[in-house]
Amino acid sequence: MPTNIWMIGPEVGLEDMLSAREKRVSLQKEMLKKRPGTLVCFTLNIAGPIKVFPLAEEVFSLTADRIRSLLWREGFSVTD
């Protein structure tokens, strides 16, 4: 059970993390086959067994929005 009230979310084991990584790589390869070009992949590196909690979701969302805005401002075509 988490000791920090802000760290609420399911615990993720090593096997789950490795599986998620493999799925992410597979998805990235598929995306690049369909739309060749540059792929920007943004993830959070969160220590401990709890990977999803409100602050992490907020940081991810704000940072992803910022990355999109910067790319658009520089004239890059951005798709999700």
PDB file of N, CA and C in Angstrom:
ATOM      1  N   MET A   1       0.845  -1.187   0.000  1.00  0.00           N
ATOM      2  CA  MET A   1       0.000   0.000   0.000  1.00  0.00           C
ATOM      3  C   MET A   1       0.883   1.240   0.000  1.00  0.00           C
ATOM      4  N   PRO A   2       0.585   2.236  -0.840  1.00  0.00           N
ATOM      5  CA  PRO A   2       1.415   3.439  -0.921  1.00  0.00           C
ATOM      6  C   PRO A   2       1.411   4.197   0.405  1.00  0.00           C
ATOM      7  N   THR A   3       2.565   4.767   0.718  1.00  0.00           N
ATOM      8  CA  THR A   3       2.652   5.570   1.931  1.00  0.00           C
ATOM      9  C   THR A   3       2.333   7.030   1.654  1.00  0.00           C
ATOM     10  N   ASN A   4       2.400   7.443   0.427  1.00  0.00           N
ATOM     11  CA  ASN A   4       2.122   8.819   0.033  1.00  0.00           C
ATOM     12  C   ASN A   4       0.709   8.892  -0.552  1.00  0.00           C
ATOM     13  N   ILE A   5      -0.133   9.764  -0.024  1.00  0.00           N
ATOM     14  CA  ILE A   5      -1.517   9.829  -0.503  1.00  0.00           C
ATOM     15  C   ILE A   5      -1.618  10.256  -1.964  1.00  0.00           C
ATOM     16  N   TRP A   6      -0.583  10.868  -2.508  1.00  0.00           N
ATOM     17  CA  TRP A   6      -0.604  11.304  -3.907  1.00  0.00           C
ATOM     18  C   TRP A   6      -0.260  10.168  -4.851  1.00  0.00           C
ATOM     19  N   MET A   7       0.290   9.095  -4.333  1.00  0.00           N
ATOM     20  CA  MET A   7       0.720   7.966  -5.156  1.00  0.00           C
ATOM     21  C   MET A   7      -0.348   6.875  -5.129  1.00  0.00           C
ATOM     22  N   ILE A   8      -1.505   7.185  -5.672  1.00  0.00           N
ATOM     23  CA  ILE A   8      -2.572   6.195  -5.722  1.00  0.00           C
ATOM     24  C   ILE A   8      -2.672   5.670  -7.139  1.00  0.00           C
ATOM     25  N   GLY A   9      -2.708   4.393  -7.277  1.00  0.00           N
ATOM     26  CA  GLY A   9      -2.785   3.775  -8.582  1.00  0.00           C
ATOM     27  C   GLY A   9      -2.329   2.339  -8.467  1.00  0.00           C
ATOM     28  N   PRO A  10      -2.527   1.564  -9.515  1.00  0.00           N
ATOM     29  CA  PRO A  10      -2.138   0.157  -9.461  1.00  0.00           C
ATOM     30  C   PRO A  10      -0.613  -0.006  -9.468  1.00  0.00           C
ATOM     31  N   GLU A  11      -0.156  -1.040  -8.757  1.00  0.00           N
ATOM     32  CA  GLU A  11       1.275  -1.353  -8.789  1.00  0.00           C
ATOM     33  C   GLU A  11       1.584  -2.127 -10.061  1.00  0.00           C
ATOM     34  N   VAL A  12       2.750  -1.843 -10.633  1.00  0.00           N
ATOM     35  CA  VAL A  12       3.173  -2.473 -11.879  1.00  0.00           C
ATOM     36  C   VAL A  12       4.442  -3.268 -11.601  1.00  0.00           C
ATOM     37  N   GLY A  13       4.432  -4.527 -11.991  1.00  0.00           N
ATOM     38  CA  GLY A  13       5.593  -5.384 -11.802  1.00  0.00           C
ATOM     39  C   GLY A  13       6.540  -5.317 -12.992  1.00  0.00           C
ATOM     40  N   LEU A  14       7.699  -5.920 -12.832  1.00  0.00           N
ATOM     41  CA  LEU A  14       8.727  -5.922 -13.879  1.00  0.00           C
ATOM     42  C   LEU A  14       8.200  -6.542 -15.175  1.00  0.00           C
ATOM     43  N   GLU A  15       7.473  -7.650 -15.057  1.00  0.00           N
ATOM     44  CA  GLU A  15       6.938  -8.305 -16.246  1.00  0.00           C
ATOM     45  C   GLU A  15       5.989  -7.372 -17.014  1.00  0.00           C
ATOM     46  N   ASP A  16       5.163  -6.643 -16.268  1.00  0.00           N
ATOM     47  CA  ASP A  16       4.253  -5.676 -16.898  1.00  0.00           C
ATOM     48  C   ASP A  16       5.021  -4.571 -17.612  1.00  0.00           C
ATOM     49  N   MET A  17       6.087  -4.090 -16.968  1.00  0.00           N
ATOM     50  CA  MET A  17       6.901  -3.024 -17.565  1.00  0.00           C
ATOM     51  C   MET A  17       7.567  -3.492 -18.851  1.00  0.00           C
ATOM     52  N   LEU A  18       8.117  -4.699 -18.833  1.00  0.00           N
ATOM     53  CA  LEU A  18       8.777  -5.228 -20.027  1.00  0.00           C
ATOM     54  C   LEU A  18       7.769  -5.453 -21.148  1.00  0.00           C
ATOM     55  N   SER A  19       6.587  -5.930 -20.804  1.00  0.00           N
ATOM     56  CA  SER A  19       5.540  -6.139 -21.800  1.00  0.00           C
ATOM     57  C   SER A  19       5.104  -4.809 -22.414  1.00  0.00           C
ATOM     58  N   ALA A  20       4.942  -3.801 -21.575  1.00  0.00           N
ATOM     59  CA  ALA A  20       4.552  -2.473 -22.071  1.00  0.00           C
ATOM     60  C   ALA A  20       5.620  -1.907 -22.999  1.00  0.00           C
ATOM     61  N   ARG A  21       6.872  -2.119 -22.655  1.00  0.00           N
ATOM     62  CA  ARG A  21       7.971  -1.634 -23.493  1.00  0.00           C
ATOM     63  C   ARG A  21       7.944  -2.321 -24.857  1.00  0.00           C
ATOM     64  N   GLU A  22       7.736  -3.636 -24.862  1.00  0.00           N
ATOM     65  CA  GLU A  22       7.674  -4.367 -26.133  1.00  0.00           C
ATOM     66  C   GLU A  22       6.500  -3.889 -26.986  1.00  0.00           C
ATOM     67  N   LYS A  23       5.353  -3.676 -26.358  1.00  0.00           N
ATOM     68  CA  LYS A  23       4.185  -3.175 -27.087  1.00  0.00           C
ATOM     69  C   LYS A  23       4.446  -1.783 -27.657  1.00  0.00           C
ATOM     70  N   ARG A  24       5.127  -0.939 -26.877  1.00  0.00           N
ATOM     71  CA  ARG A  24       5.433   0.421 -27.341  1.00  0.00           C
ATOM     72  C   ARG A  24       6.352   0.376 -28.556  1.00  0.00           C
ATOM     73  N   VAL A  25       7.378  -0.476 -28.516  1.00  0.00           N
ATOM     74  CA  VAL A  25       8.308  -0.595 -29.646  1.00  0.00           C
ATOM     75  C   VAL A  25       7.570  -1.107 -30.881  1.00  0.00           C
ATOM     76  N   SER A  26       6.708  -2.095 -30.693  1.00  0.00           N
ATOM     77  CA  SER A  26       5.938  -2.641 -31.811  1.00  0.00           C
ATOM     78  C   SER A  26       5.032  -1.570 -32.426  1.00  0.00           C
ATOM     79  N   LEU A  27       4.363  -0.807 -31.577  1.00  0.00           N
ATOM     80  CA  LEU A  27       3.498   0.273 -32.056  1.00  0.00           C
ATOM     81  C   LEU A  27       4.300   1.332 -32.808  1.00  0.00           C
ATOM     82  N   GLN A  28       5.480   1.675 -32.298  1.00  0.00           N
ATOM     83  CA  GLN A  28       6.324   2.669 -32.962  1.00  0.00           C
ATOM     84  C   GLN A  28       6.743   2.184 -34.346  1.00  0.00           C
ATOM     85  N   LYS A  29       7.118   0.915 -34.452  1.00  0.00           N
ATOM     86  CA  LYS A  29       7.511   0.364 -35.756  1.00  0.00           C
ATOM     87  C   LYS A  29       6.341   0.396 -36.728  1.00  0.00           C
ATOM     88  N   GLU A  30       5.168   0.033 -36.235  1.00  0.00           N
ATOM     89  CA  GLU A  30       3.960   0.056 -37.068  1.00  0.00           C
ATOM     90  C   GLU A  30       3.651   1.485 -37.539  1.00  0.00           C
ATOM     91  N   MET A  31       3.769   2.438 -36.643  1.00  0.00           N
ATOM     92  CA  MET A  31       3.502   3.838 -36.997  1.00  0.00           C
ATOM     93  C   MET A  31       4.467   4.327 -38.063  1.00  0.00           C
ATOM     94  N   LEU A  32       5.731   3.957 -37.934  1.00  0.00           N
ATOM     95  CA  LEU A  32       6.732   4.402 -38.911  1.00  0.00           C
ATOM     96  C   LEU A  32       6.548   3.736 -40.265  1.00  0.00           C
ATOM     97  N   LYS A  33       6.004   2.515 -40.290  1.00  0.00           N
ATOM     98  CA  LYS A  33       5.704   1.863 -41.570  1.00  0.00           C
ATOM     99  C   LYS A  33       4.586   2.608 -42.289  1.00  0.00           C
ATOM    100  N   LYS A  34       3.563   2.988 -41.518  1.00  0.00           N
ATOM    101  CA  LYS A  34       2.405   3.667 -42.105  1.00  0.00           C
ATOM    102  C   LYS A  34       2.726   5.097 -42.507  1.00  0.00           C
ATOM    103  N   ARG A  35       3.530   5.778 -41.703  1.00  0.00           N
ATOM    104  CA  ARG A  35       3.872   7.185 -41.965  1.00  0.00           C
ATOM    105  C   ARG A  35       5.361   7.381 -41.738  1.00  0.00           C
ATOM    106  N   PRO A  36       6.165   7.107 -42.749  1.00  0.00           N
ATOM    107  CA  PRO A  36       7.616   7.302 -42.580  1.00  0.00           C
ATOM    108  C   PRO A  36       7.929   8.751 -42.223  1.00  0.00           C
ATOM    109  N   GLY A  37       8.919   8.926 -41.415  1.00  0.00           N
ATOM    110  CA  GLY A  37       9.318  10.264 -40.997  1.00  0.00           C
ATOM    111  C   GLY A  37       9.979  10.215 -39.640  1.00  0.00           C
ATOM    112  N   THR A  38       9.804  11.265 -38.906  1.00  0.00           N
ATOM    113  CA  THR A  38      10.377  11.353 -37.571  1.00  0.00           C
ATOM    114  C   THR A  38       9.292  11.057 -36.546  1.00  0.00           C
ATOM    115  N   LEU A  39       9.621  10.192 -35.617  1.00  0.00           N
ATOM    116  CA  LEU A  39       8.690   9.837 -34.554  1.00  0.00           C
ATOM    117  C   LEU A  39       9.251  10.372 -33.239  1.00  0.00           C
ATOM    118  N   VAL A  40       8.459  11.177 -32.566  1.00  0.00           N
ATOM    119  CA  VAL A  40       8.842  11.677 -31.254  1.00  0.00           C
ATOM    120  C   VAL A  40       8.072  10.861 -30.227  1.00  0.00           C
ATOM    121  N   CYS A  41       8.792  10.211 -29.345  1.00  0.00           N
ATOM    122  CA  CYS A  41       8.169   9.411 -28.299  1.00  0.00           C
ATOM    123  C   CYS A  41       8.525  10.037 -26.956  1.00  0.00           C
ATOM    124  N   PHE A  42       7.505  10.380 -26.199  1.00  0.00           N
ATOM    125  CA  PHE A  42       7.696  11.003 -24.894  1.00  0.00           C
ATOM    126  C   PHE A  42       7.098  10.105 -23.826  1.00  0.00           C
ATOM    127  N   THR A  43       7.896   9.718 -22.852  1.00  0.00           N
ATOM    128  CA  THR A  43       7.416   8.921 -21.726  1.00  0.00           C
ATOM    129  C   THR A  43       7.974   9.508 -20.442  1.00  0.00           C
ATOM    130  N   LEU A  44       7.367   9.151 -19.340  1.00  0.00           N
ATOM    131  CA  LEU A  44       7.884   9.543 -18.031  1.00  0.00           C
ATOM    132  C   LEU A  44       8.622   8.348 -17.437  1.00  0.00           C
ATOM    133  N   ASN A  45       9.733   8.595 -16.814  1.00  0.00           N
ATOM    134  CA  ASN A  45      10.497   7.556 -16.134  1.00  0.00           C
ATOM    135  C   ASN A  45      10.207   7.706 -14.637  1.00  0.00           C
ATOM    136  N   ILE A  46       9.331   6.857 -14.121  1.00  0.00           N
ATOM    137  CA  ILE A  46       8.861   6.981 -12.746  1.00  0.00           C
ATOM    138  C   ILE A  46       9.394   5.819 -11.922  1.00  0.00           C
ATOM    139  N   ALA A  47      10.135   6.135 -10.887  1.00  0.00           N
ATOM    140  CA  ALA A  47      10.679   5.108 -10.002  1.00  0.00           C
ATOM    141  C   ALA A  47       9.564   4.479  -9.172  1.00  0.00           C
ATOM    142  N   GLY A  48       9.744   3.252  -8.798  1.00  0.00           N
ATOM    143  CA  GLY A  48       8.804   2.579  -7.921  1.00  0.00           C
ATOM    144  C   GLY A  48       7.742   1.810  -8.673  1.00  0.00           C
ATOM    145  N   PRO A  49       6.918   1.063  -7.956  1.00  0.00           N
ATOM    146  CA  PRO A  49       5.935   0.183  -8.589  1.00  0.00           C
ATOM    147  C   PRO A  49       4.655   0.882  -9.041  1.00  0.00           C
ATOM    148  N   ILE A  50       4.424   2.112  -8.620  1.00  0.00           N
ATOM    149  CA  ILE A  50       3.215   2.832  -9.024  1.00  0.00           C
ATOM    150  C   ILE A  50       3.593   3.826 -10.117  1.00  0.00           C
ATOM    151  N   LYS A  51       3.049   3.599 -11.300  1.00  0.00           N
ATOM    152  CA  LYS A  51       3.441   4.404 -12.466  1.00  0.00           C
ATOM    153  C   LYS A  51       2.383   5.422 -12.874  1.00  0.00           C
ATOM    154  N   VAL A  52       1.137   5.201 -12.488  1.00  0.00           N
ATOM    155  CA  VAL A  52       0.055   6.097 -12.885  1.00  0.00           C
ATOM    156  C   VAL A  52      -0.601   6.658 -11.628  1.00  0.00           C
ATOM    157  N   PHE A  53      -0.545   7.984 -11.520  1.00  0.00           N
ATOM    158  CA  PHE A  53      -1.173   8.694 -10.413  1.00  0.00           C
ATOM    159  C   PHE A  53      -1.446  10.108 -10.894  1.00  0.00           C
ATOM    160  N   PRO A  54      -2.314  10.846 -10.220  1.00  0.00           N
ATOM    161  CA  PRO A  54      -2.767  12.142 -10.749  1.00  0.00           C
ATOM    162  C   PRO A  54      -1.659  13.118 -11.152  1.00  0.00           C
ATOM    163  N   LEU A  55      -0.627  13.283 -10.350  1.00  0.00           N
ATOM    164  CA  LEU A  55       0.426  14.229 -10.696  1.00  0.00           C
ATOM    165  C   LEU A  55       1.175  13.789 -11.946  1.00  0.00           C
ATOM    166  N   ALA A  56       1.439  12.498 -12.072  1.00  0.00           N
ATOM    167  CA  ALA A  56       2.130  11.990 -13.264  1.00  0.00           C
ATOM    168  C   ALA A  56       1.293  12.232 -14.515  1.00  0.00           C
ATOM    169  N   GLU A  57      -0.014  11.996 -14.414  1.00  0.00           N
ATOM    170  CA  GLU A  57      -0.893  12.235 -15.556  1.00  0.00           C
ATOM    171  C   GLU A  57      -0.904  13.707 -15.950  1.00  0.00           C
ATOM    172  N   GLU A  58      -0.916  14.584 -14.959  1.00  0.00           N
ATOM    173  CA  GLU A  58      -0.914  16.022 -15.230  1.00  0.00           C
ATOM    174  C   GLU A  58       0.395  16.461 -15.876  1.00  0.00           C
ATOM    175  N   VAL A  59       1.511  15.989 -15.335  1.00  0.00           N
ATOM    176  CA  VAL A  59       2.827  16.337 -15.896  1.00  0.00           C
ATOM    177  C   VAL A  59       2.931  15.833 -17.328  1.00  0.00           C
ATOM    178  N   PHE A  60       2.480  14.604 -17.566  1.00  0.00           N
ATOM    179  CA  PHE A  60       2.541  14.049 -18.914  1.00  0.00           C
ATOM    180  C   PHE A  60       1.721  14.883 -19.881  1.00  0.00           C
ATOM    181  N   SER A  61       0.496  15.186 -19.514  1.00  0.00           N
ATOM    182  CA  SER A  61      -0.393  15.947 -20.383  1.00  0.00           C
ATOM    183  C   SER A  61       0.156  17.341 -20.692  1.00  0.00           C
ATOM    184  N   LEU A  62       0.601  18.040 -19.671  1.00  0.00           N
ATOM    185  CA  LEU A  62       1.147  19.389 -19.870  1.00  0.00           C
ATOM    186  C   LEU A  62       2.400  19.367 -20.740  1.00  0.00           C
ATOM    187  N   THR A  63       3.261  18.398 -20.506  1.00  0.00           N
ATOM    188  CA  THR A  63       4.506  18.322 -21.280  1.00  0.00           C
ATOM    189  C   THR A  63       4.232  17.927 -22.724  1.00  0.00           C
ATOM    190  N   ALA A  64       3.331  16.977 -22.935  1.00  0.00           N
ATOM    191  CA  ALA A  64       2.983  16.579 -24.302  1.00  0.00           C
ATOM    192  C   ALA A  64       2.384  17.763 -25.065  1.00  0.00           C
ATOM    193  N   ASP A  65       1.518  18.524 -24.402  1.00  0.00           N
ATOM    194  CA  ASP A  65       0.950  19.722 -25.037  1.00  0.00           C
ATOM    195  C   ASP A  65       2.040  20.722 -25.392  1.00  0.00           C
ATOM    196  N   ARG A  66       2.986  20.889 -24.513  1.00  0.00           N
ATOM    197  CA  ARG A  66       4.098  21.834 -24.747  1.00  0.00           C
ATOM    198  C   ARG A  66       4.950  21.379 -25.932  1.00  0.00           C
ATOM    199  N   ILE A  67       5.239  20.088 -26.000  1.00  0.00           N
ATOM    200  CA  ILE A  67       6.027  19.549 -27.119  1.00  0.00           C
ATOM    201  C   ILE A  67       5.280  19.807 -28.432  1.00  0.00           C
ATOM    202  N   ARG A  68       3.973  19.485 -28.467  1.00  0.00           N
ATOM    203  CA  ARG A  68       3.172  19.731 -29.681  1.00  0.00           C
ATOM    204  C   ARG A  68       3.219  21.205 -30.084  1.00  0.00           C
ATOM    205  N   SER A  69       3.033  22.084 -29.107  1.00  0.00           N
ATOM    206  CA  SER A  69       3.029  23.531 -29.387  1.00  0.00           C
ATOM    207  C   SER A  69       4.366  23.992 -29.964  1.00  0.00           C
ATOM    208  N   LEU A  70       5.439  23.517 -29.378  1.00  0.00           N
ATOM    209  CA  LEU A  70       6.764  23.908 -29.877  1.00  0.00           C
ATOM    210  C   LEU A  70       6.997  23.402 -31.291  1.00  0.00           C
ATOM    211  N   LEU A  71       6.589  22.173 -31.568  1.00  0.00           N
ATOM    212  CA  LEU A  71       6.760  21.630 -32.919  1.00  0.00           C
ATOM    213  C   LEU A  71       5.921  22.397 -33.925  1.00  0.00           C
ATOM    214  N   TRP A  72       4.655  22.670 -33.587  1.00  0.00           N
ATOM    215  CA  TRP A  72       3.788  23.453 -34.487  1.00  0.00           C
ATOM    216  C   TRP A  72       4.382  24.830 -34.743  1.00  0.00           C
ATOM    217  N   ARG A  73       4.867  25.472 -33.673  1.00  0.00           N
ATOM    218  CA  ARG A  73       5.440  26.821 -33.808  1.00  0.00           C
ATOM    219  C   ARG A  73       6.646  26.821 -34.745  1.00  0.00           C
ATOM    220  N   GLU A  74       7.390  25.723 -34.748  1.00  0.00           N
ATOM    221  CA  GLU A  74       8.571  25.630 -35.614  1.00  0.00           C
ATOM    222  C   GLU A  74       8.221  25.131 -37.019  1.00  0.00           C
ATOM    223  N   GLY A  75       6.937  24.885 -37.269  1.00  0.00           N
ATOM    224  CA  GLY A  75       6.499  24.542 -38.610  1.00  0.00           C
ATOM    225  C   GLY A  75       6.459  23.051 -38.922  1.00  0.00           C
ATOM    226  N   PHE A  76       6.559  22.204 -37.891  1.00  0.00           N
ATOM    227  CA  PHE A  76       6.496  20.775 -38.123  1.00  0.00           C
ATOM    228  C   PHE A  76       5.046  20.319 -38.173  1.00  0.00           C
ATOM    229  N   SER A  77       4.767  19.331 -38.999  1.00  0.00           N
ATOM    230  CA  SER A  77       3.450  18.720 -39.054  1.00  0.00           C
ATOM    231  C   SER A  77       3.358  17.723 -37.911  1.00  0.00           C
ATOM    232  N   VAL A  78       2.310  17.843 -37.099  1.00  0.00           N
ATOM    233  CA  VAL A  78       2.176  16.991 -35.919  1.00  0.00           C
ATOM    234  C   VAL A  78       0.885  16.198 -36.012  1.00  0.00           C
ATOM    235  N   THR A  79       0.988  14.882 -35.863  1.00  0.00           N
ATOM    236  CA  THR A  79      -0.185  14.019 -35.781  1.00  0.00           C
ATOM    237  C   THR A  79      -0.074  13.173 -34.525  1.00  0.00           C
ATOM    238  N   ASP A  80      -1.195  12.796 -33.984  1.00  0.00           N
ATOM    239  CA  ASP A  80      -1.203  11.951 -32.784  1.00  0.00           C
ATOM    240  C   ASP A  80      -1.451  10.511 -33.146  1.00  0.00           C
TER     241      ASP A  80
END
